[in-house]
Structure formats: structure tokens, C-alpha cells
């Protein structure tokens, strides 16, 4: 019997007259006690790269997930410290303290591992350590808090006491997205090169944001033709600073070591999900807001969605890949789960996006 315990955290309040949304820290119990079948995939060695070819069906055929509420942070009737405006990211340090990034308030709210309020880090502004439009937060291996701020176009670093340590400018790079930091303080991030021929690159930088190497690049579109549902990079750090990454348009994960050498690929058969009218309307909103397609631009629609949308990795090395297949009630998506080796072991429904794994608990 294989068991996992996971814990989840989600956001709470909206300002003004928007209805208050309550969500909770949940605990998952994953018991792989369902019908287990023999793995039907194959393993090949090609030029020093191990290729795991997975079938459509996982090893475990039955539902292996259950949910149980454990802790609630944020209530309709509570102190201001427990109320949020726009939670956009969360991380957890090595002692279980929870760091919640509130983008609209431009600060970090810190709680202990029991959900008790501790302090607030940062504030809105343009001075040293101040934020304008924070987008992501990461606890680094050097025990610092790294915040990506799109407003000031900087990476901001704080210590666990909340003191601002340093800042790195990302101004020379357009759309510097979702950085992760390894044990050597190297940073992996996605940058987008705008223009008539828009491209996006996945790059590795040193601790001062000097480029080390480009991992891969994608041409998003070439005006006047603009592609809807254009492909995206998704990536996470694994054991020993390995990088697990892929492009959303194809079901293939690549695993490389800290030096950039590819040593493993994970692929899987899948049935593409058709694009619905609801999907089309959401994409139009994402691309153009409430405006129509600009004159002279031809919007090109694919026949189906991509292969996956998001990657999450737990401390056991299991990979959770969000597919485009919606749950039966339409409230979430199915995630494909691979073991640390690269074998497809389970398909699970989730209504929330897994973000942080610490000590066998999942926060989101």
C-alpha cells in the first residue's frame, strides 16, 4: 500500500462589494489501494537519453483520492490580518511558516504552521523593497524570500525576518515570468521577445541575472497572423537541481541536469480535448480584454487544446501534470501523475492548482 498526505491552502476575500469567497486548507489522502495493473509502457535508450513511453491508461485504474478539511485561513468574520484582496501565490518555508502573496495589497502575509498570523512583509511603493504588482513568491534554498514584481520590474529578496536584502532588475528582459531558483542561486525563467514575430525563451541565468544558456525557444506567432492558444513553457526543479520542463502543445517532458544535459524524456499517449465555445470566449478575453480582434490581425484557431497546462512536483519526485480534460462537474481538471522514474501511475481530479509541497503536505 502506498500512501501520501497533502495539505492545501487557498485564497479568501475580495474587496468592496464583491462576495467574500472562503476556501480552506485541505488534506488529501492518497491510498493506491485500487485495482493495480502492470505498467504497459516501454523504456528505450537513445544517445544517452532514457525515453519512457507511457500508454493512455495509468497503473491504478480506480479513484485514489479523498479530501478532508484540516485548517482554514481567512473567514468572513475575522481580523483584517486574515483577510486578503487578491491572493496570487503562496510558499512555505522549512519550519512550516506560510507566506501568502497578496498582489493587490502588494505585500506578503505570514502565518505559522497552525494558521496563526505572524507579520506582514513589504508594502506598496517604488522605494527599496517596495512592490507595485507582485506576481510570484519563492522560498529559496538560501533561506530568502524571492518576489517577482512586474510593476517595478525587479526580483526582490527578503530574509525570514522581513528585512529587504537586495533587488535585481529585470527591466532589460520583457515579460520575465515564473522564476525558480536552484541551490547555487541560478535562476530559470521564461522571457518573451515581443515584435512582429513574437518568441518566448526558457533561459538559465546566474545569481546576477546574467544569461548562462538558453534551454529552448518557441515562435508564438508572426503578425499579421496571431495564434490562439499559443504554446507555453512549463517547468519545475527536481532533485539535485535537475529541471523538468515541457511545451504545452505536445505531451513530452524533458529532464536535464544542472549543466543543461538532457538525460530523460517522458512521453504519453493522449486524446486531445476539443476547443469549446466557452474556451474560445475565455481566450478572446485573455488576448484582447473587452476589445475586438485588432484590424489587420488574423486570429488562427487550432482544432484542439494542447497536451497539458501545468507541472507540479512533490518531494517524492512524483510529477503532477494538469491536462485539459475537465472533471465531470466542470469544476476542475484531471491531473496525470507520474512516479519519479517516469511511469504513468494515476489520473486524479482536482479543483485546485497544486503549488507547494513541504513535508508530505501540499499547499495551494
Protein backbone atom coordinates (compact mmCIF):
# COMPACT_ATOMS: atom_id res chain seq x y z
CA UNK A 1 0.00 0.00 0.00
CA UNK A 2 1.34 3.40 -0.96
CA UNK A 3 0.14 6.47 0.94
CA UNK A 4 0.57 10.22 0.62
CA UNK A 5 -0.72 13.06 2.75
CA UNK A 6 -1.12 16.52 1.26
CA UNK A 7 -2.40 19.83 2.52
CA UNK A 8 -3.84 22.76 0.55
CA UNK A 9 -4.28 26.45 1.12
CA UNK A 10 -6.39 28.82 -0.95
CA UNK A 11 -7.38 32.47 -1.02
CA UNK A 12 -10.08 34.26 0.86
CA UNK A 13 -11.57 37.72 0.44
CA UNK A 14 -12.42 40.19 -2.31
CA UNK A 15 -12.61 43.93 -1.63
CA UNK A 16 -15.54 46.36 -1.95
CA UNK A 17 -18.92 44.75 -2.63
CA UNK A 18 -17.63 41.55 -4.22
CA UNK A 19 -18.85 38.46 -2.36
CA UNK A 20 -16.39 37.00 0.13
CA UNK A 21 -15.02 33.68 -1.07
CA UNK A 22 -13.94 31.24 1.61
CA UNK A 23 -11.56 28.43 0.87
CA UNK A 24 -9.60 26.20 3.15
CA UNK A 25 -6.50 24.17 3.76
CA UNK A 26 -7.46 20.67 2.79
CA UNK A 27 -5.74 17.40 3.36
CA UNK A 28 -5.64 14.69 0.72
CA UNK A 29 -5.19 11.06 1.50
CA UNK A 30 -3.90 9.15 -1.49
CA UNK A 31 -4.05 5.40 -1.00
CA UNK A 32 -3.11 3.40 -4.04
CA UNK A 33 -5.32 0.51 -2.97
CA UNK A 34 -7.40 0.49 -6.15
CA UNK A 35 -7.00 -2.04 -8.92
CA UNK A 36 -3.37 -2.07 -9.95
CA UNK A 37 -2.31 -3.24 -13.38
CA UNK A 38 1.07 -3.91 -14.90
CA UNK A 39 2.68 -0.86 -16.49
CA UNK A 40 2.18 -1.21 -20.25
CA UNK A 41 4.81 1.29 -21.36
CA UNK A 42 8.33 0.85 -22.69
CA UNK A 43 11.77 2.18 -21.81
CA UNK A 44 14.36 2.94 -24.50
CA UNK A 45 17.90 4.32 -24.51
CA UNK A 46 18.64 6.80 -27.31
CA UNK A 47 22.01 8.60 -27.43
CA UNK A 48 22.36 8.67 -23.65
CA UNK A 49 18.75 9.72 -23.08
CA UNK A 50 16.30 7.37 -21.33
CA UNK A 51 12.89 7.53 -23.01
CA UNK A 52 9.78 6.50 -21.05
CA UNK A 53 6.85 5.81 -23.38
CA UNK A 54 3.58 5.72 -21.41
CA UNK A 55 0.20 4.37 -22.53
CA UNK A 56 -3.11 6.23 -22.13
CA UNK A 57 -4.11 4.15 -19.10
CA UNK A 58 -2.35 4.55 -15.71
CA UNK A 59 -1.20 1.73 -13.44
CA UNK A 60 -4.02 2.41 -10.94
CA UNK A 61 -7.45 2.21 -12.53
CA UNK A 62 -9.69 3.38 -9.68
CA UNK A 63 -10.09 6.63 -7.75
CA UNK A 64 -7.25 7.04 -5.27
CA UNK A 65 -8.10 10.47 -3.87
CA UNK A 66 -10.13 11.67 -0.91
CA UNK A 67 -10.30 15.13 0.68
CA UNK A 68 -10.58 16.14 4.32
CA UNK A 69 -10.56 19.69 5.71
CA UNK A 70 -7.71 20.32 8.14
CA UNK A 71 -7.17 24.07 8.52
CA UNK A 72 -8.92 27.28 7.47
CA UNK A 73 -7.12 30.60 6.99
CA UNK A 74 -9.41 33.53 6.34
CA UNK A 75 -13.02 33.82 7.47
CA UNK A 76 -15.88 36.20 6.74
CA UNK A 77 -15.86 37.48 10.32
CA UNK A 78 -12.24 37.79 11.38
CA UNK A 79 -9.43 40.29 11.89
CA UNK A 80 -8.00 42.21 8.94
CA UNK A 81 -4.79 40.15 9.10
CA UNK A 82 -6.81 37.12 7.98
CA UNK A 83 -8.46 38.91 5.03
CA UNK A 84 -6.96 39.12 1.56
CA UNK A 85 -7.63 41.20 -1.54
CA UNK A 86 -6.06 39.18 -4.33
CA UNK A 87 -4.01 36.14 -3.36
CA UNK A 88 -1.81 35.26 -6.32
CA UNK A 89 0.80 32.88 -4.89
CA UNK A 90 1.87 31.00 -1.76
CA UNK A 91 5.01 29.33 -0.44
CA UNK A 92 6.09 27.58 2.76
CA UNK A 93 9.46 27.69 4.49
CA UNK A 94 11.43 24.92 6.16
CA UNK A 95 9.69 25.41 9.51
CA UNK A 96 6.19 25.33 8.02
CA UNK A 97 5.55 29.08 8.04
CA UNK A 98 3.12 30.06 5.29
CA UNK A 99 3.81 33.08 3.05
CA UNK A 100 0.79 34.42 1.16
CA UNK A 101 1.41 36.96 -1.62
CA UNK A 102 -1.41 39.49 -1.94
CA UNK A 103 -0.93 41.17 -5.31
CA UNK A 104 -3.45 43.98 -4.87
CA UNK A 105 -2.16 44.93 -1.43
CA UNK A 106 1.45 44.43 -2.66
CA UNK A 107 2.65 42.62 0.44
CA UNK A 108 3.26 39.18 1.95
CA UNK A 109 1.19 37.96 4.89
CA UNK A 110 2.99 35.40 7.06
CA UNK A 111 1.30 32.72 9.21
CA UNK A 112 2.72 29.95 11.37
CA UNK A 113 2.11 26.27 10.64
CA UNK A 114 -1.13 26.38 12.66
CA UNK A 115 -2.54 29.27 10.65
CA UNK A 116 -1.84 31.96 13.27
CA UNK A 117 -0.94 35.40 11.92
CA UNK A 118 2.71 36.43 12.41
CA UNK A 119 3.56 39.51 10.34
CA UNK A 120 3.39 41.39 7.03
CA UNK A 121 6.42 41.78 4.75
CA UNK A 122 6.74 44.54 2.17
CA UNK A 123 4.39 47.29 1.09
CA UNK A 124 3.21 49.16 -1.99
CA UNK A 125 5.58 51.75 -3.40
CA UNK A 126 8.65 52.27 -5.55
CA UNK A 127 11.33 52.53 -2.88
CA UNK A 128 13.83 49.83 -1.87
CA UNK A 129 11.96 46.61 -1.15
CA UNK A 130 8.59 48.09 -2.11
CA UNK A 131 6.30 46.47 -4.70
CA UNK A 132 3.84 47.57 -7.36
CA UNK A 133 2.46 44.42 -8.98
CA UNK A 134 3.95 41.27 -7.40
CA UNK A 135 3.26 38.09 -9.37
CA UNK A 136 5.07 35.22 -7.67
CA UNK A 137 6.87 34.25 -4.48
CA UNK A 138 9.52 31.58 -3.87
CA UNK A 139 11.41 30.45 -0.78
CA UNK A 140 14.99 29.98 -1.98
CA UNK A 141 17.49 27.30 -0.90
CA UNK A 142 19.49 30.16 0.70
CA UNK A 143 16.51 30.78 3.04
CA UNK A 144 15.39 34.00 1.43
CA UNK A 145 12.01 35.09 0.09
CA UNK A 146 12.13 35.97 -3.63
CA UNK A 147 9.30 38.06 -5.06
CA UNK A 148 8.82 38.74 -8.77
CA UNK A 149 7.36 42.23 -9.18
CA UNK A 150 6.05 43.08 -12.65
CA UNK A 151 5.37 46.68 -11.62
CA UNK A 152 8.90 47.68 -10.63
CA UNK A 153 10.38 45.02 -12.97
CA UNK A 154 12.57 43.60 -10.26
CA UNK A 155 13.27 40.47 -8.26
CA UNK A 156 13.08 41.43 -4.59
CA UNK A 157 14.78 39.38 -1.87
CA UNK A 158 13.82 39.44 1.84
CA UNK A 159 15.11 37.43 4.78
CA UNK A 160 12.75 35.46 7.03
CA UNK A 161 12.63 38.39 9.49
CA UNK A 162 11.12 40.52 6.71
CA UNK A 163 14.14 42.71 6.07
CA UNK A 164 14.77 43.69 2.43
CA UNK A 165 18.11 42.20 1.36
CA UNK A 166 18.60 43.14 -2.29
CA UNK A 167 16.94 43.65 -5.65
CA UNK A 168 17.74 42.54 -9.20
CA UNK A 169 16.43 44.46 -12.19
CA UNK A 170 14.59 42.52 -14.91
CA UNK A 171 13.94 45.69 -16.96
CA UNK A 172 16.16 44.61 -19.86
CA UNK A 173 14.05 41.47 -20.31
CA UNK A 174 10.44 41.75 -21.49
CA UNK A 175 7.91 39.66 -19.59
CA UNK A 176 10.23 37.93 -17.14
CA UNK A 177 7.98 35.12 -15.87
CA UNK A 178 7.81 32.47 -13.13
CA UNK A 179 11.45 32.28 -11.99
CA UNK A 180 12.66 29.31 -9.95
CA UNK A 181 15.98 29.31 -8.14
CA UNK A 182 18.35 26.38 -7.57
CA UNK A 183 20.81 25.56 -4.78
CA UNK A 184 23.57 27.60 -6.48
CA UNK A 185 21.34 30.70 -6.78
CA UNK A 186 20.97 30.19 -10.52
CA UNK A 187 17.58 31.25 -11.85
CA UNK A 188 15.46 29.58 -14.54
CA UNK A 189 12.79 31.82 -16.06
CA UNK A 190 10.74 32.44 -19.18
CA UNK A 191 11.19 35.67 -21.13
CA UNK A 192 9.13 36.84 -24.09
CA UNK A 193 10.63 38.74 -27.01
CA UNK A 194 7.88 40.99 -28.44
CA UNK A 195 7.58 42.22 -32.01
CA UNK A 196 6.00 41.27 -35.32
CA UNK A 197 7.49 37.80 -34.80
CA UNK A 198 6.89 37.13 -31.11
CA UNK A 199 9.05 34.50 -29.44
CA UNK A 200 9.41 33.12 -25.94
CA UNK A 201 12.57 31.65 -24.43
CA UNK A 202 13.26 29.43 -21.43
CA UNK A 203 16.64 30.53 -20.06
CA UNK A 204 19.03 29.87 -17.21
CA UNK A 205 20.67 32.85 -15.50
CA UNK A 206 23.30 33.21 -12.79
CA UNK A 207 22.65 34.91 -9.44
CA UNK A 208 23.07 38.36 -11.03
CA UNK A 209 20.67 37.56 -13.91
CA UNK A 210 23.45 37.19 -16.46
CA UNK A 211 22.41 34.55 -19.04
CA UNK A 212 24.14 31.15 -18.77
CA UNK A 213 22.34 29.34 -21.60
CA UNK A 214 19.03 29.15 -23.45
CA UNK A 215 17.14 25.91 -22.82
CA UNK A 216 14.68 26.27 -25.70
CA UNK A 217 12.65 28.86 -27.60
CA UNK A 218 9.23 28.91 -29.27
CA UNK A 219 7.84 31.14 -32.01
CA UNK A 220 4.44 32.17 -30.65
CA UNK A 221 3.13 33.87 -33.77
CA UNK A 222 4.14 36.08 -36.68
CA UNK A 223 1.89 39.04 -37.37
CA UNK A 224 -0.47 39.66 -39.08
CA UNK A 225 -1.39 36.02 -38.21
CA UNK A 226 -1.88 35.54 -34.46
CA UNK A 227 -2.32 32.09 -32.96
CA UNK A 228 -4.94 31.50 -30.29
CA UNK A 229 -3.92 29.11 -27.51
CA UNK A 230 -0.27 29.59 -28.40
CA UNK A 231 2.17 27.12 -26.78
CA UNK A 232 3.73 27.82 -23.39
CA UNK A 233 6.71 26.59 -21.40
CA UNK A 234 6.09 24.91 -18.03
CA UNK A 235 8.91 23.85 -15.72
CA UNK A 236 9.87 22.85 -12.19
CA UNK A 237 13.09 21.98 -10.38
CA UNK A 238 13.61 18.40 -9.29
CA UNK A 239 16.21 16.57 -7.27
CA UNK A 240 19.85 17.78 -7.45
CA UNK A 241 18.80 20.92 -9.37
CA UNK A 242 17.50 18.88 -12.28
CA UNK A 243 14.98 20.68 -14.48
CA UNK A 244 11.74 19.05 -15.62
CA UNK A 245 10.16 21.05 -18.40
CA UNK A 246 7.91 20.81 -21.43
CA UNK A 247 5.96 22.73 -24.06
CA UNK A 248 2.19 22.68 -23.64
CA UNK A 249 1.49 21.80 -27.27
CA UNK A 250 2.97 18.28 -27.05
CA UNK A 251 2.89 15.56 -24.39
CA UNK A 252 6.61 15.35 -23.73
CA UNK A 253 8.58 16.17 -20.59
CA UNK A 254 12.31 16.67 -20.76
CA UNK A 255 14.62 16.23 -17.78
CA UNK A 256 18.09 17.79 -17.77
CA UNK A 257 20.82 18.08 -15.15
CA UNK A 258 22.11 21.34 -13.69
CA UNK A 259 24.63 21.66 -16.54
CA UNK A 260 21.89 21.54 -19.16
CA UNK A 261 22.48 17.96 -20.34
CA UNK A 262 19.31 16.11 -21.31
CA UNK A 263 19.15 12.63 -19.76
CA UNK A 264 15.47 11.65 -19.69
CA UNK A 265 12.27 12.12 -21.69
CA UNK A 266 8.75 11.19 -20.60
CA UNK A 267 6.01 10.90 -23.21
CA UNK A 268 2.42 9.65 -23.06
CA UNK A 269 -0.37 8.80 -25.48
CA UNK A 270 -3.35 11.11 -25.05
CA UNK A 271 -6.56 12.18 -26.74
CA UNK A 272 -6.62 15.96 -27.41
CA UNK A 273 -9.58 17.87 -25.95
CA UNK A 274 -11.71 19.79 -28.43
CA UNK A 275 -11.98 23.55 -28.00
CA UNK A 276 -15.45 24.60 -26.84
CA UNK A 277 -17.20 27.92 -27.43
CA UNK A 278 -16.61 28.72 -23.75
CA UNK A 279 -12.89 28.10 -24.28
CA UNK A 280 -12.90 30.43 -27.31
CA UNK A 281 -14.57 33.25 -25.38
CA UNK A 282 -12.10 32.92 -22.50
CA UNK A 283 -9.16 33.02 -24.92
CA UNK A 284 -10.51 36.16 -26.63
CA UNK A 285 -10.86 37.80 -23.21
CA UNK A 286 -7.30 36.77 -22.32
CA UNK A 287 -5.84 38.12 -25.57
CA UNK A 288 -7.82 41.32 -26.10
CA UNK A 289 -9.85 42.01 -22.96
CA UNK A 290 -13.19 43.56 -23.88
CA UNK A 291 -11.87 44.78 -27.24
CA UNK A 292 -12.45 43.12 -30.62
CA UNK A 293 -9.67 41.50 -32.63
CA UNK A 294 -7.47 44.40 -33.88
CA UNK A 295 -7.91 45.40 -37.54
CA UNK A 296 -5.49 43.64 -39.86
CA UNK A 297 -4.88 40.76 -37.44
CA UNK A 298 -5.98 37.28 -38.45
CA UNK A 299 -6.68 35.07 -35.45
CA UNK A 300 -5.82 31.42 -36.13
CA UNK A 301 -7.66 28.78 -34.08
CA UNK A 302 -6.31 25.24 -33.56
CA UNK A 303 -8.70 22.29 -33.69
CA UNK A 304 -7.93 21.13 -30.15
CA UNK A 305 -6.31 22.15 -26.88
CA UNK A 306 -2.69 21.41 -26.11
CA UNK A 307 -1.37 18.43 -24.19
CA UNK A 308 -1.05 19.93 -20.69
CA UNK A 309 -1.19 23.20 -18.79
CA UNK A 310 0.88 22.99 -15.61
CA UNK A 311 3.60 20.95 -13.85
CA UNK A 312 3.90 20.29 -10.11
CA UNK A 313 6.44 18.02 -8.41
CA UNK A 314 6.21 16.65 -4.86
CA UNK A 315 9.06 15.78 -2.53
CA UNK A 316 8.95 12.12 -3.58
CA UNK A 317 9.64 13.21 -7.16
CA UNK A 318 6.11 12.45 -8.40
CA UNK A 319 5.08 14.67 -11.30
CA UNK A 320 1.54 16.09 -11.48
CA UNK A 321 0.56 17.27 -14.94
CA UNK A 322 -2.69 19.21 -15.40
CA UNK A 323 -4.48 18.08 -18.54
CA UNK A 324 -7.25 19.90 -20.42
CA UNK A 325 -9.79 17.22 -19.54
CA UNK A 326 -12.39 18.75 -17.24
CA UNK A 327 -13.92 16.88 -14.32
CA UNK A 328 -17.46 15.57 -14.70
CA UNK A 329 -18.93 18.51 -12.75
CA UNK A 330 -16.84 21.02 -14.72
CA UNK A 331 -15.32 22.42 -11.54
CA UNK A 332 -11.77 21.20 -12.05
CA UNK A 333 -9.39 19.24 -14.26
CA UNK A 334 -7.82 15.82 -14.33
CA UNK A 335 -4.13 15.54 -13.44
CA UNK A 336 -1.88 12.80 -14.78
CA UNK A 337 0.52 11.55 -12.09
CA UNK A 338 3.93 10.02 -12.86
CA UNK A 339 6.29 8.42 -10.39
CA UNK A 340 9.85 9.70 -10.00
CA UNK A 341 11.02 7.20 -12.60
CA UNK A 342 8.64 8.49 -15.27
CA UNK A 343 5.86 5.88 -15.27
CA UNK A 344 2.21 6.96 -15.51
CA UNK A 345 0.65 5.79 -12.24
CA UNK A 346 -2.67 7.62 -11.71
CA UNK A 347 -5.27 10.01 -13.09
CA UNK A 348 -6.83 12.22 -10.43
CA UNK A 349 -9.46 15.00 -10.39
CA UNK A 350 -8.51 18.29 -8.71
CA UNK A 351 -10.46 21.52 -8.34
CA UNK A 352 -7.40 23.43 -7.18
CA UNK A 353 -3.91 24.03 -8.58
CA UNK A 354 -1.15 22.34 -6.55
CA UNK A 355 1.68 24.78 -5.89
CA UNK A 356 3.95 23.89 -2.95
CA UNK A 357 4.94 20.54 -1.43
CA UNK A 358 6.55 20.56 2.02
CA UNK A 359 6.93 17.58 4.38
CA UNK A 360 4.34 15.48 2.56
CA UNK A 361 1.80 18.32 2.53
CA UNK A 362 0.53 20.25 -0.46
CA UNK A 363 -0.32 23.95 -0.22
CA UNK A 364 -2.28 25.78 -2.87
